[in-house]
């Protein structure tokens, strides 16, 4: 008996995709993703005119941004290099 019941068929009674196409282990991949926040190693220097009382706040790059990282590996142990998805830049109007 298979995972979903009788003869390894899916929950709707039809053959699974693996049974239908007979994928080899090097063709089956698992994809994981995680989010990482980018933060600079040290604070950036702020340059201002002498006597100036007000200095601008941190930019979004200095605060850090959420970057998504995707990693894929096959059941045979092969892997595809990770890739990063950066947030979209807002358009200046």
Foldseek 3Di string as FASTA:
>chain_A
DAPCDPPCDHVVRHHDPCVVPVDDQQVAKDKDKDKDWDADPDQDDFDDDPPDPDGDDDDDVNVTDIKMKMWMATSVGDTDDIDIHGDDDDDDD
